[in-house]
Every structure is written in structure tokens, then in C-alpha cells.
Amino acid sequence: MNRMRQALFGAAILALGAGACGGGSGAPAADQQPVALAPAKYLAGLHAADLAKTIREKGLACKEPVSEHDGMHWVCEAKTPLVGYFAEYWGRVPGRLEYIKVVVTQSGAPKVERIIALLDVFAGLRYQGAQPEQARQWIAANVDKGGRQMFGPASYRLSGNLSRVVLEIKAPGSDW
């Protein structure tokens, strides 16, 4: 008799577990709607260490990250008498970057080649949904005009003039 009770008890537990886990046919009930996931607030697949390595390869010196508010902030820069390159980026943790800002300043007669030399690196970033070739083409075509454009999940914004160009790349829903 004990074995029968144990078997019935076990079957009842399995039935309750299956019901709690949504067991059954696998189809949602008529009154249940599928849950829509919010877009990630970061550029998935982009890590701070990889970005710093790429920036260093272009000759910029990167400082150690600093904790700010509820996230981290990285800064990299390089200067010559004619051009200044400045890049900073923010994220909650190194693997969840949300916002990137790049500034290129020039003294004397501004040259587009100096700007593209750095912005091309940022246009080519690899993250989920990235469109590096389209981003590169858009930046080259709009570096002197500015504008906004989406490339995958990221919003790109170019502003300023050829003496001081700013590129911002922002993840959807980012707080920065």
C-alpha cells in the first residue's frame, strides 16, 4: 500500500511540476500573450578590452577605467600639434558597453583623411547586428555634414565641423 501511495504522490508531483513549467501541448493558452523582450541596453558582443586594444593599435593611450555612478568609464587619447584624437566609452560592466563618444580636433587646414583615420575604426566595430561597411560609407559621406543613422541596434550621430568632429554610438535604451 505504501508503494502505491508513493507512486500516486510521485505522479501528482510530476503533474504539478509540468503544469507549473507550462507543460501540456506547448501552445500558449488563448488568454496568454507572448512576452516581448526589451532590447538590450548595450552593444552585445562588444567588450571594453577588445575596444581598448583596437584603439591602442591606432596609437591612442588608454587610461584605466573609472567607476562612475552605476557603471564604468574608459578614456583614450592622442595628440599632435595638428590633430587630437579622444575616445571615451561607458558601460555597466566591461562586456556591456552602452555609449561611445569619439572626438577628432584639428588645427590649421582640416583634412578629412585625419578624421576618417580614427572614425573608420569605430564604424568597423563588431557587435551583434553591426553593419560595419554601411557605417563606414555613411561616415565618409556625412563627415562634413553630420546627421543620425541606425546601424543594426546602434544609433550613430555625427556632429560638429571638420575642425572638430564628434561621433557618438549609442545602444538602444542606454541611459548615457
N, C-alpha and C. Protein backbone atom coordinates (compact mmCIF):
# COMPACT_ATOMS: atom_id res chain seq x y z
N MET A 1 0.82 -1.19 0.00
CA MET A 1 0.00 0.00 0.00
C MET A 1 0.87 1.26 0.00
N ASN A 2 2.00 1.22 0.73
CA ASN A 2 2.91 2.36 0.76
C ASN A 2 3.47 2.65 -0.62
N ARG A 3 3.78 1.59 -1.36
CA ARG A 3 4.32 1.80 -2.71
C ARG A 3 3.29 2.47 -3.62
N MET A 4 2.04 2.12 -3.46
CA MET A 4 1.01 2.72 -4.29
C MET A 4 0.87 4.20 -3.94
N ARG A 5 0.91 4.55 -2.66
CA ARG A 5 0.83 5.95 -2.23
C ARG A 5 2.03 6.73 -2.79
N GLN A 6 3.21 6.11 -2.70
CA GLN A 6 4.41 6.77 -3.21
C GLN A 6 4.30 7.01 -4.71
N ALA A 7 3.79 6.03 -5.42
CA ALA A 7 3.64 6.16 -6.87
C ALA A 7 2.63 7.26 -7.20
N LEU A 8 1.50 7.30 -6.50
CA LEU A 8 0.49 8.33 -6.74
C LEU A 8 1.04 9.71 -6.37
N PHE A 9 1.76 9.77 -5.23
CA PHE A 9 2.34 11.03 -4.79
C PHE A 9 3.35 11.53 -5.83
N GLY A 10 4.20 10.63 -6.34
CA GLY A 10 5.19 10.98 -7.36
C GLY A 10 4.51 11.47 -8.64
N ALA A 11 3.44 10.80 -9.04
CA ALA A 11 2.72 11.21 -10.25
C ALA A 11 2.09 12.59 -10.06
N ALA A 12 1.57 12.84 -8.87
CA ALA A 12 0.97 14.15 -8.58
C ALA A 12 2.03 15.25 -8.63
N ILE A 13 3.20 14.97 -8.08
CA ILE A 13 4.29 15.96 -8.10
C ILE A 13 4.71 16.25 -9.54
N LEU A 14 4.84 15.21 -10.35
CA LEU A 14 5.20 15.41 -11.75
C LEU A 14 4.16 16.23 -12.49
N ALA A 15 2.89 15.95 -12.24
CA ALA A 15 1.82 16.69 -12.90
C ALA A 15 1.84 18.16 -12.48
N LEU A 16 2.06 18.42 -11.20
CA LEU A 16 2.14 19.80 -10.72
C LEU A 16 3.36 20.51 -11.32
N GLY A 17 4.46 19.82 -11.37
CA GLY A 17 5.68 20.40 -11.95
C GLY A 17 5.49 20.73 -13.41
N ALA A 18 4.89 19.84 -14.14
CA ALA A 18 4.66 20.09 -15.57
C ALA A 18 3.71 21.26 -15.76
N GLY A 19 2.69 21.36 -14.92
CA GLY A 19 1.76 22.48 -15.01
C GLY A 19 2.44 23.79 -14.67
N ALA A 20 3.29 23.78 -13.66
CA ALA A 20 3.98 24.99 -13.25
C ALA A 20 4.99 25.44 -14.30
N CYS A 21 5.53 24.51 -15.03
CA CYS A 21 6.52 24.83 -16.06
C CYS A 21 5.88 25.08 -17.41
N GLY A 22 4.57 25.11 -17.44
CA GLY A 22 3.89 25.34 -18.71
C GLY A 22 3.75 24.08 -19.51
N GLY A 23 3.72 22.94 -18.83
CA GLY A 23 3.60 21.66 -19.53
C GLY A 23 2.30 21.57 -20.28
N GLY A 24 2.14 20.57 -21.01
CA GLY A 24 0.95 20.41 -21.82
C GLY A 24 1.34 20.40 -23.27
N SER A 25 0.52 21.02 -24.09
CA SER A 25 0.73 20.97 -25.53
C SER A 25 1.87 21.87 -25.99
N GLY A 26 2.32 22.80 -25.15
CA GLY A 26 3.38 23.71 -25.56
C GLY A 26 2.83 24.98 -26.18
N ALA A 27 1.56 25.01 -26.52
CA ALA A 27 0.95 26.19 -27.09
C ALA A 27 0.44 27.08 -25.97
N PRO A 28 0.60 28.40 -26.07
CA PRO A 28 0.10 29.28 -25.02
C PRO A 28 -1.42 29.23 -24.96
N ALA A 29 -1.93 29.42 -23.78
CA ALA A 29 -3.38 29.47 -23.62
C ALA A 29 -3.89 30.67 -24.39
N ALA A 30 -5.17 30.65 -24.73
CA ALA A 30 -5.76 31.71 -25.54
C ALA A 30 -5.63 33.08 -24.87
N ASP A 31 -5.65 33.13 -23.54
CA ASP A 31 -5.58 34.41 -22.86
C ASP A 31 -4.16 34.86 -22.56
N GLN A 32 -3.15 34.06 -22.94
CA GLN A 32 -1.76 34.44 -22.70
C GLN A 32 -1.15 35.02 -23.97
N GLN A 33 -0.45 36.14 -23.79
CA GLN A 33 0.25 36.75 -24.91
C GLN A 33 1.74 36.46 -24.77
N PRO A 34 2.45 36.26 -25.88
CA PRO A 34 3.89 36.06 -25.78
C PRO A 34 4.54 37.31 -25.17
N VAL A 35 5.55 37.09 -24.37
CA VAL A 35 6.25 38.18 -23.72
C VAL A 35 7.29 38.74 -24.69
N ALA A 36 7.22 40.05 -24.93
CA ALA A 36 8.20 40.70 -25.80
C ALA A 36 9.38 41.13 -24.95
N LEU A 37 10.55 40.72 -25.36
CA LEU A 37 11.76 41.08 -24.63
C LEU A 37 12.18 42.50 -24.99
N ALA A 38 12.59 43.25 -23.99
CA ALA A 38 13.09 44.61 -24.23
C ALA A 38 14.44 44.51 -24.91
N PRO A 39 14.75 45.45 -25.80
CA PRO A 39 16.06 45.41 -26.45
C PRO A 39 17.16 45.60 -25.41
N ALA A 40 18.28 44.98 -25.65
CA ALA A 40 19.42 45.10 -24.75
C ALA A 40 19.86 46.56 -24.69
N LYS A 41 20.26 47.02 -23.50
CA LYS A 41 20.72 48.39 -23.34
C LYS A 41 22.23 48.48 -23.55
N TYR A 42 22.77 47.53 -24.25
CA TYR A 42 24.21 47.52 -24.52
C TYR A 42 24.45 46.92 -25.89
N LEU A 43 25.66 47.12 -26.39
CA LEU A 43 26.03 46.59 -27.70
C LEU A 43 26.58 45.18 -27.51
N ALA A 44 25.69 44.21 -27.62
CA ALA A 44 26.03 42.81 -27.36
C ALA A 44 27.16 42.35 -28.27
N GLY A 45 28.16 41.71 -27.66
CA GLY A 45 29.30 41.20 -28.42
C GLY A 45 30.49 42.14 -28.42
N LEU A 46 30.33 43.35 -27.90
CA LEU A 46 31.43 44.31 -27.85
C LEU A 46 31.95 44.38 -26.42
N HIS A 47 33.23 44.16 -26.23
CA HIS A 47 33.84 44.15 -24.90
C HIS A 47 34.86 45.29 -24.79
N ALA A 48 34.94 45.90 -23.62
CA ALA A 48 35.84 47.03 -23.39
C ALA A 48 37.29 46.68 -23.69
N ALA A 49 37.74 45.50 -23.32
CA ALA A 49 39.14 45.11 -23.56
C ALA A 49 39.44 45.04 -25.06
N ASP A 50 38.50 44.51 -25.84
CA ASP A 50 38.69 44.44 -27.30
C ASP A 50 38.71 45.83 -27.91
N LEU A 51 37.83 46.70 -27.43
CA LEU A 51 37.77 48.06 -27.94
C LEU A 51 39.06 48.81 -27.60
N ALA A 52 39.54 48.67 -26.37
CA ALA A 52 40.78 49.34 -25.96
C ALA A 52 41.96 48.85 -26.81
N LYS A 53 42.02 47.55 -27.08
CA LYS A 53 43.10 47.01 -27.92
C LYS A 53 43.06 47.62 -29.32
N THR A 54 41.88 47.72 -29.88
CA THR A 54 41.72 48.29 -31.22
C THR A 54 42.13 49.76 -31.23
N ILE A 55 41.74 50.49 -30.20
CA ILE A 55 42.07 51.91 -30.12
C ILE A 55 43.57 52.10 -29.93
N ARG A 56 44.19 51.27 -29.10
CA ARG A 56 45.64 51.37 -28.88
C ARG A 56 46.41 51.11 -30.17
N GLU A 57 45.90 50.20 -30.98
CA GLU A 57 46.56 49.90 -32.26
C GLU A 57 46.56 51.12 -33.19
N LYS A 58 45.66 52.07 -32.95
CA LYS A 58 45.63 53.31 -33.73
C LYS A 58 46.49 54.39 -33.09
N GLY A 59 47.20 54.06 -32.00
CA GLY A 59 48.13 54.99 -31.40
C GLY A 59 47.60 55.80 -30.23
N LEU A 60 46.40 55.53 -29.77
CA LEU A 60 45.86 56.25 -28.63
C LEU A 60 46.28 55.56 -27.34
N ALA A 61 46.51 56.33 -26.31
CA ALA A 61 46.84 55.79 -24.99
C ALA A 61 45.56 55.74 -24.17
N CYS A 62 45.30 54.59 -23.57
CA CYS A 62 44.08 54.40 -22.78
C CYS A 62 44.41 54.35 -21.30
N LYS A 63 43.61 55.05 -20.52
CA LYS A 63 43.76 55.05 -19.07
C LYS A 63 42.98 53.88 -18.49
N GLU A 64 43.23 53.58 -17.24
CA GLU A 64 42.47 52.55 -16.55
C GLU A 64 41.02 53.01 -16.40
N PRO A 65 40.05 52.10 -16.44
CA PRO A 65 38.66 52.51 -16.29
C PRO A 65 38.39 53.09 -14.90
N VAL A 66 37.40 53.96 -14.86
CA VAL A 66 36.99 54.61 -13.62
C VAL A 66 35.54 54.24 -13.34
N SER A 67 35.23 53.92 -12.09
CA SER A 67 33.84 53.65 -11.70
C SER A 67 33.10 54.97 -11.58
N GLU A 68 31.95 55.05 -12.22
CA GLU A 68 31.11 56.24 -12.17
C GLU A 68 29.67 55.82 -12.01
N HIS A 69 28.97 56.43 -11.09
CA HIS A 69 27.55 56.14 -10.84
C HIS A 69 27.36 54.64 -10.73
N ASP A 70 26.64 54.06 -11.65
CA ASP A 70 26.42 52.62 -11.62
C ASP A 70 27.07 51.94 -12.82
N GLY A 71 28.22 52.48 -13.24
CA GLY A 71 28.90 51.89 -14.39
C GLY A 71 30.39 52.21 -14.38
N MET A 72 30.98 52.02 -15.56
CA MET A 72 32.41 52.25 -15.73
C MET A 72 32.63 53.18 -16.92
N HIS A 73 33.75 53.91 -16.88
CA HIS A 73 34.07 54.90 -17.90
C HIS A 73 35.53 54.72 -18.32
N TRP A 74 35.76 54.60 -19.62
CA TRP A 74 37.10 54.43 -20.18
C TRP A 74 37.43 55.66 -21.02
N VAL A 75 38.71 56.08 -21.00
CA VAL A 75 39.15 57.24 -21.78
C VAL A 75 40.46 56.89 -22.48
N CYS A 76 40.54 57.25 -23.77
CA CYS A 76 41.75 57.05 -24.57
C CYS A 76 41.99 58.33 -25.37
N GLU A 77 43.29 58.70 -25.54
CA GLU A 77 43.56 59.90 -26.32
C GLU A 77 44.97 59.92 -26.88
N ALA A 78 45.14 60.76 -27.89
CA ALA A 78 46.44 61.01 -28.51
C ALA A 78 46.39 62.41 -29.10
N LYS A 79 47.52 63.13 -29.02
CA LYS A 79 47.57 64.50 -29.54
C LYS A 79 48.88 64.74 -30.27
N THR A 80 48.77 65.50 -31.33
CA THR A 80 49.94 66.04 -32.03
C THR A 80 49.65 67.53 -32.18
N PRO A 81 50.59 68.31 -32.69
CA PRO A 81 50.29 69.73 -32.88
C PRO A 81 49.15 69.99 -33.87
N LEU A 82 48.90 69.03 -34.77
CA LEU A 82 47.86 69.25 -35.78
C LEU A 82 46.53 68.57 -35.50
N VAL A 83 46.55 67.47 -34.76
CA VAL A 83 45.31 66.71 -34.58
C VAL A 83 45.24 66.12 -33.17
N GLY A 84 44.03 66.08 -32.65
CA GLY A 84 43.78 65.45 -31.36
C GLY A 84 42.72 64.38 -31.52
N TYR A 85 42.99 63.21 -30.98
CA TYR A 85 42.03 62.10 -31.01
C TYR A 85 41.63 61.79 -29.57
N PHE A 86 40.34 61.72 -29.33
CA PHE A 86 39.83 61.46 -27.99
C PHE A 86 38.67 60.47 -28.12
N ALA A 87 38.71 59.41 -27.33
CA ALA A 87 37.63 58.42 -27.34
C ALA A 87 37.29 58.08 -25.89
N GLU A 88 36.01 58.00 -25.61
CA GLU A 88 35.58 57.56 -24.29
C GLU A 88 34.35 56.68 -24.46
N TYR A 89 34.21 55.75 -23.54
CA TYR A 89 33.06 54.85 -23.63
C TYR A 89 32.62 54.43 -22.24
N TRP A 90 31.33 54.11 -22.15
CA TRP A 90 30.71 53.78 -20.88
C TRP A 90 29.95 52.46 -20.98
N GLY A 91 29.87 51.80 -19.84
CA GLY A 91 29.09 50.59 -19.73
C GLY A 91 28.91 50.21 -18.27
N ARG A 92 27.93 49.37 -18.01
CA ARG A 92 27.70 48.91 -16.63
C ARG A 92 28.87 48.02 -16.17
N VAL A 93 29.33 47.17 -17.09
CA VAL A 93 30.48 46.29 -16.87
C VAL A 93 31.23 46.22 -18.20
N PRO A 94 32.47 45.72 -18.22
CA PRO A 94 33.26 45.72 -19.46
C PRO A 94 32.59 45.03 -20.65
N GLY A 95 31.76 44.05 -20.43
CA GLY A 95 31.12 43.34 -21.54
C GLY A 95 29.77 43.89 -21.94
N ARG A 96 29.40 45.05 -21.39
CA ARG A 96 28.10 45.65 -21.70
C ARG A 96 28.24 47.14 -21.96
N LEU A 97 28.93 47.45 -23.04
CA LEU A 97 29.15 48.85 -23.40
C LEU A 97 27.87 49.44 -23.99
N GLU A 98 27.55 50.66 -23.54
CA GLU A 98 26.30 51.30 -23.96
C GLU A 98 26.50 52.54 -24.82
N TYR A 99 27.61 53.24 -24.61
CA TYR A 99 27.77 54.53 -25.26
C TYR A 99 29.24 54.77 -25.57
N ILE A 100 29.51 55.23 -26.78
CA ILE A 100 30.87 55.52 -27.23
C ILE A 100 30.87 56.92 -27.82
N LYS A 101 31.86 57.72 -27.44
CA LYS A 101 31.99 59.07 -27.99
C LYS A 101 33.42 59.25 -28.48
N VAL A 102 33.55 59.72 -29.71
CA VAL A 102 34.86 59.94 -30.33
C VAL A 102 34.90 61.39 -30.82
N VAL A 103 35.99 62.08 -30.49
CA VAL A 103 36.16 63.46 -30.93
C VAL A 103 37.50 63.58 -31.65
N VAL A 104 37.47 64.18 -32.84
CA VAL A 104 38.69 64.47 -33.58
C VAL A 104 38.75 65.98 -33.76
N THR A 105 39.84 66.59 -33.27
CA THR A 105 40.04 68.03 -33.42
C THR A 105 41.26 68.27 -34.30
N GLN A 106 41.20 69.36 -35.07
CA GLN A 106 42.32 69.70 -35.94
C GLN A 106 42.61 71.19 -35.87
N SER A 107 43.89 71.52 -35.95
CA SER A 107 44.27 72.92 -36.07
C SER A 107 44.81 73.11 -37.48
N GLY A 108 44.79 74.33 -37.94
CA GLY A 108 45.21 74.57 -39.31
C GLY A 108 44.12 74.13 -40.28
N ALA A 109 44.52 73.89 -41.51
CA ALA A 109 43.56 73.46 -42.53
C ALA A 109 43.10 72.03 -42.23
N PRO A 110 41.80 71.83 -41.93
CA PRO A 110 41.33 70.48 -41.61
C PRO A 110 41.40 69.54 -42.81
N LYS A 111 41.73 68.29 -42.53
CA LYS A 111 41.81 67.28 -43.57
C LYS A 111 40.90 66.11 -43.20
N VAL A 112 40.05 65.72 -44.12
CA VAL A 112 39.11 64.61 -43.90
C VAL A 112 39.86 63.32 -43.59
N GLU A 113 41.01 63.11 -44.21
CA GLU A 113 41.77 61.87 -44.00
C GLU A 113 42.12 61.66 -42.53
N ARG A 114 42.44 62.74 -41.82
CA ARG A 114 42.76 62.64 -40.40
C ARG A 114 41.55 62.19 -39.58
N ILE A 115 40.40 62.63 -39.99
CA ILE A 115 39.17 62.28 -39.28
C ILE A 115 38.82 60.82 -39.57
N ILE A 116 38.80 60.47 -40.82
CA ILE A 116 38.42 59.11 -41.22
C ILE A 116 39.38 58.07 -40.65
N ALA A 117 40.64 58.45 -40.46
CA ALA A 117 41.63 57.51 -39.92
C ALA A 117 41.17 56.90 -38.60
N LEU A 118 40.49 57.68 -37.76
CA LEU A 118 40.01 57.15 -36.49
C LEU A 118 38.55 56.71 -36.55
N LEU A 119 37.70 57.49 -37.18
CA LEU A 119 36.28 57.15 -37.20
C LEU A 119 36.02 55.83 -37.93
N ASP A 120 36.85 55.51 -38.88
CA ASP A 120 36.72 54.25 -39.61
C ASP A 120 36.85 53.05 -38.67
N VAL A 121 37.69 53.18 -37.66
CA VAL A 121 37.86 52.11 -36.67
C VAL A 121 36.55 51.89 -35.91
N PHE A 122 35.92 52.97 -35.52
CA PHE A 122 34.68 52.86 -34.75
C PHE A 122 33.50 52.42 -35.62
N ALA A 123 33.51 52.81 -36.87
CA ALA A 123 32.47 52.34 -37.79
C ALA A 123 32.57 50.84 -38.00
N GLY A 124 33.78 50.31 -37.89
CA GLY A 124 34.01 48.89 -38.12
C GLY A 124 33.84 48.01 -36.89
N LEU A 125 33.33 48.55 -35.79
CA LEU A 125 33.16 47.75 -34.58
C LEU A 125 32.25 46.56 -34.82
N ARG A 126 32.58 45.46 -34.17
CA ARG A 126 31.79 44.23 -34.31
C ARG A 126 30.96 44.02 -33.05
N TYR A 127 29.67 44.07 -33.21
CA TYR A 127 28.70 43.76 -32.16
C TYR A 127 27.52 43.10 -32.85
N GLN A 128 26.63 42.50 -32.10
CA GLN A 128 25.50 41.80 -32.71
C GLN A 128 24.67 42.79 -33.52
N GLY A 129 24.48 42.48 -34.78
CA GLY A 129 23.67 43.33 -35.66
C GLY A 129 24.46 44.46 -36.31
N ALA A 130 25.76 44.53 -36.08
CA ALA A 130 26.59 45.61 -36.64
C ALA A 130 26.54 45.57 -38.17
N GLN A 131 26.68 46.73 -38.76
CA GLN A 131 26.74 46.87 -40.21
C GLN A 131 27.95 47.74 -40.55
N PRO A 132 29.15 47.18 -40.36
CA PRO A 132 30.37 48.00 -40.48
C PRO A 132 30.58 48.65 -41.84
N GLU A 133 30.32 47.97 -42.90
CA GLU A 133 30.54 48.57 -44.22
C GLU A 133 29.59 49.74 -44.47
N GLN A 134 28.32 49.56 -44.10
CA GLN A 134 27.34 50.64 -44.26
C GLN A 134 27.70 51.83 -43.36
N ALA A 135 28.16 51.54 -42.13
CA ALA A 135 28.54 52.61 -41.21
C ALA A 135 29.74 53.38 -41.76
N ARG A 136 30.72 52.67 -42.29
CA ARG A 136 31.90 53.35 -42.87
C ARG A 136 31.49 54.26 -44.03
N GLN A 137 30.64 53.74 -44.91
CA GLN A 137 30.21 54.53 -46.06
C GLN A 137 29.43 55.76 -45.62
N TRP A 138 28.56 55.58 -44.63
CA TRP A 138 27.76 56.70 -44.13
C TRP A 138 28.65 57.77 -43.50
N ILE A 139 29.60 57.36 -42.68
CA ILE A 139 30.50 58.33 -42.04
C ILE A 139 31.30 59.09 -43.10
N ALA A 140 31.86 58.38 -44.07
CA ALA A 140 32.65 59.03 -45.12
C ALA A 140 31.80 60.04 -45.89
N ALA A 141 30.55 59.71 -46.14
CA ALA A 141 29.68 60.59 -46.91
C ALA A 141 29.14 61.76 -46.09
N ASN A 142 29.14 61.64 -44.76
CA ASN A 142 28.50 62.65 -43.92
C ASN A 142 29.43 63.33 -42.92
N VAL A 143 30.72 63.08 -43.00
CA VAL A 143 31.65 63.61 -42.01
C VAL A 143 31.62 65.14 -41.96
N ASP A 144 31.36 65.78 -43.08
CA ASP A 144 31.32 67.24 -43.11
C ASP A 144 29.91 67.81 -42.91
N LYS A 145 28.89 66.94 -42.92
CA LYS A 145 27.50 67.40 -42.80
C LYS A 145 26.87 67.05 -41.46
N GLY A 146 27.28 65.91 -40.93
CA GLY A 146 26.65 65.43 -39.70
C GLY A 146 25.37 64.68 -40.01
N GLY A 147 24.71 64.22 -38.96
CA GLY A 147 23.45 63.50 -39.11
C GLY A 147 23.34 62.35 -38.14
N ARG A 148 22.24 61.63 -38.27
CA ARG A 148 21.96 60.45 -37.43
C ARG A 148 21.57 59.29 -38.33
N GLN A 149 21.97 58.09 -37.89
CA GLN A 149 21.64 56.88 -38.66
C GLN A 149 21.70 55.67 -37.74
N MET A 150 20.81 54.72 -37.96
CA MET A 150 20.84 53.45 -37.22
C MET A 150 21.61 52.43 -38.04
N PHE A 151 22.49 51.69 -37.36
CA PHE A 151 23.19 50.56 -37.96
C PHE A 151 22.98 49.39 -37.02
N GLY A 152 22.09 48.49 -37.41
CA GLY A 152 21.69 47.42 -36.51
C GLY A 152 21.01 48.06 -35.32
N PRO A 153 21.34 47.64 -34.11
CA PRO A 153 20.69 48.21 -32.93
C PRO A 153 21.29 49.55 -32.48
N ALA A 154 22.40 49.97 -33.06
CA ALA A 154 23.11 51.16 -32.59
C ALA A 154 22.72 52.42 -33.35
N SER A 155 22.61 53.50 -32.60
CA SER A 155 22.34 54.81 -33.17
C SER A 155 23.67 55.55 -33.32
N TYR A 156 23.97 55.99 -34.53
CA TYR A 156 25.19 56.75 -34.81
C TYR A 156 24.79 58.21 -35.00
N ARG A 157 25.59 59.10 -34.43
CA ARG A 157 25.35 60.53 -34.58
C ARG A 157 26.67 61.22 -34.87
N LEU A 158 26.72 61.95 -35.97
CA LEU A 158 27.88 62.76 -36.34
C LEU A 158 27.51 64.23 -36.16
N SER A 159 28.40 65.00 -35.53
CA SER A 159 28.14 66.42 -35.37
C SER A 159 29.45 67.19 -35.40
N GLY A 160 29.33 68.51 -35.45
CA GLY A 160 30.50 69.38 -35.48
C GLY A 160 30.83 69.82 -36.89
N ASN A 161 32.11 70.19 -37.07
CA ASN A 161 32.61 70.58 -38.39
C ASN A 161 33.97 69.92 -38.57
N LEU A 162 34.62 70.15 -39.68
CA LEU A 162 35.87 69.45 -39.95
C LEU A 162 36.99 69.81 -38.97
N SER A 163 36.86 70.91 -38.25
CA SER A 163 37.86 71.25 -37.24
C SER A 163 37.62 70.50 -35.93
N ARG A 164 36.37 70.09 -35.71
CA ARG A 164 36.02 69.32 -34.50
C ARG A 164 34.82 68.44 -34.82
N VAL A 165 35.08 67.17 -35.07
CA VAL A 165 34.04 66.21 -35.41
C VAL A 165 33.78 65.31 -34.20
N VAL A 166 32.50 65.06 -33.95
CA VAL A 166 32.10 64.19 -32.85
C VAL A 166 31.27 63.04 -33.42
N LEU A 167 31.65 61.82 -33.09
CA LEU A 167 30.88 60.64 -33.43
C LEU A 167 30.39 60.01 -32.13
N GLU A 168 29.09 59.78 -32.04
CA GLU A 168 28.50 59.10 -30.88
C GLU A 168 27.83 57.83 -31.35
N ILE A 169 28.06 56.76 -30.63
CA ILE A 169 27.42 55.47 -30.92
C ILE A 169 26.73 55.04 -29.64
N LYS A 170 25.43 54.80 -29.75
CA LYS A 170 24.63 54.54 -28.55
C LYS A 170 23.78 53.29 -28.73
N ALA A 171 23.77 52.46 -27.69
CA ALA A 171 22.91 51.28 -27.69
C ALA A 171 21.47 51.69 -27.46
N PRO A 172 20.50 50.91 -27.93
CA PRO A 172 19.10 51.28 -27.73
C PRO A 172 18.76 51.27 -26.24
N GLY A 173 18.07 52.30 -25.79
CA GLY A 173 17.64 52.36 -24.41
C GLY A 173 18.73 52.69 -23.41
N SER A 174 19.91 53.05 -23.89
CA SER A 174 21.02 53.38 -22.99
C SER A 174 20.68 54.60 -22.16
N ASP A 175 21.15 54.62 -20.93
CA ASP A 175 20.94 55.77 -20.04
C ASP A 175 21.98 56.85 -20.24
N TRP A 176 23.02 56.57 -21.01
CA TRP A 176 24.06 57.58 -21.23
C TRP A 176 23.76 58.41 -22.43
